[in-house]
Amino acid sequence: MAFISLLLAFALQPGTSEFVPLADLPPTEKLAAGPFLIAAYAFVWVALMFYLWTIWRRLIKVETEMRVLAQKTARR
């Protein structure tokens, strides 16, 4: 019952059933989402590059340790 009343409340709100172009909206209702979107993509790319860099560094460390171990076992 509460879901139906919530649905009716949204359906009966004025202005929700018609399209309003962005140019016709008042400045207080405009959201410049472009910078937020660019910042989000930049953050994801930087985080991904940092993650790949840390994996690369750990891989070099493991390869070095394996090379040292191989040299130690070859001497026996």
Protein backbone atom coordinates (compact mmCIF):
# COMPACT_ATOMS: atom_id res chain seq x y z
CA MET A 1 0.00 0.00 0.00
CA ALA A 2 2.83 2.40 0.84
CA PHE A 3 4.50 1.64 -2.49
CA ILE A 4 1.35 2.57 -4.40
CA SER A 5 0.96 5.85 -2.54
CA LEU A 6 4.62 6.65 -3.20
CA LEU A 7 4.13 5.88 -6.89
CA LEU A 8 1.06 8.11 -7.04
CA ALA A 9 2.93 10.92 -5.31
CA PHE A 10 5.60 10.86 -7.99
CA ALA A 11 3.06 10.51 -10.80
CA LEU A 12 1.01 13.47 -9.64
CA GLN A 13 3.88 15.92 -9.31
CA PRO A 14 3.56 18.87 -11.67
CA GLY A 15 5.99 19.14 -14.57
CA THR A 16 7.17 15.54 -14.57
CA SER A 17 5.19 14.50 -17.62
CA GLU A 18 6.51 17.09 -20.06
CA PHE A 19 9.89 17.63 -21.67
CA VAL A 20 11.69 20.88 -20.89
CA PRO A 21 14.77 21.73 -22.97
CA LEU A 22 17.94 22.47 -21.03
CA ALA A 23 18.09 26.00 -22.43
CA ASP A 24 14.67 26.76 -20.90
CA LEU A 25 15.59 25.65 -17.38
CA PRO A 26 16.41 28.28 -14.78
CA PRO A 27 20.12 28.49 -13.84
CA THR A 28 19.44 27.04 -10.38
CA GLU A 29 18.20 23.75 -11.88
CA LYS A 30 21.04 23.24 -14.36
CA LEU A 31 23.76 20.82 -13.34
CA ALA A 32 27.07 21.03 -15.11
CA ALA A 33 27.83 17.31 -14.97
CA GLY A 34 30.59 17.44 -17.56
CA PRO A 35 33.40 18.33 -15.14
CA PHE A 36 32.21 15.68 -12.67
CA LEU A 37 32.18 13.04 -15.40
CA ILE A 38 35.66 13.99 -16.59
CA ALA A 39 36.95 13.97 -13.01
CA ALA A 40 35.44 10.52 -12.39
CA TYR A 41 37.00 9.07 -15.54
CA ALA A 42 40.35 10.68 -14.70
CA PHE A 43 40.23 9.24 -11.19
CA VAL A 44 39.47 5.75 -12.50
CA TRP A 45 42.30 5.91 -15.05
CA VAL A 46 44.80 7.19 -12.48
CA ALA A 47 43.75 4.48 -10.01
CA LEU A 48 44.05 1.82 -12.72
CA MET A 49 47.50 3.02 -13.77
CA PHE A 50 48.66 3.08 -10.13
CA TYR A 51 47.34 -0.45 -9.60
CA LEU A 52 49.10 -1.74 -12.73
CA TRP A 53 52.32 0.00 -11.67
CA THR A 54 52.22 -1.71 -8.27
CA ILE A 55 51.65 -5.09 -9.92
CA TRP A 56 54.57 -4.45 -12.28
CA ARG A 57 56.86 -3.56 -9.36
CA ARG A 58 55.84 -6.68 -7.41
CA LEU A 59 56.39 -8.84 -10.48
CA ILE A 60 59.92 -7.47 -10.88
CA LYS A 61 60.60 -8.25 -7.21
CA VAL A 62 59.32 -11.83 -7.55
CA GLU A 63 61.36 -12.39 -10.72
CA THR A 64 64.48 -11.14 -8.94
CA GLU A 65 63.86 -13.45 -6.01
CA MET A 66 63.31 -16.39 -8.37
CA ARG A 67 66.58 -15.64 -10.17
CA VAL A 68 68.48 -15.52 -6.86
CA LEU A 69 66.86 -18.79 -5.76
CA ALA A 70 67.73 -20.45 -9.08
CA GLN A 71 71.36 -19.39 -8.66
CA LYS A 72 71.46 -20.77 -5.11
CA THR A 73 69.99 -24.11 -6.12
CA ALA A 74 72.33 -24.43 -9.12
CA ARG A 75 75.36 -24.24 -6.81
CA ARG A 76 74.34 -27.32 -4.85
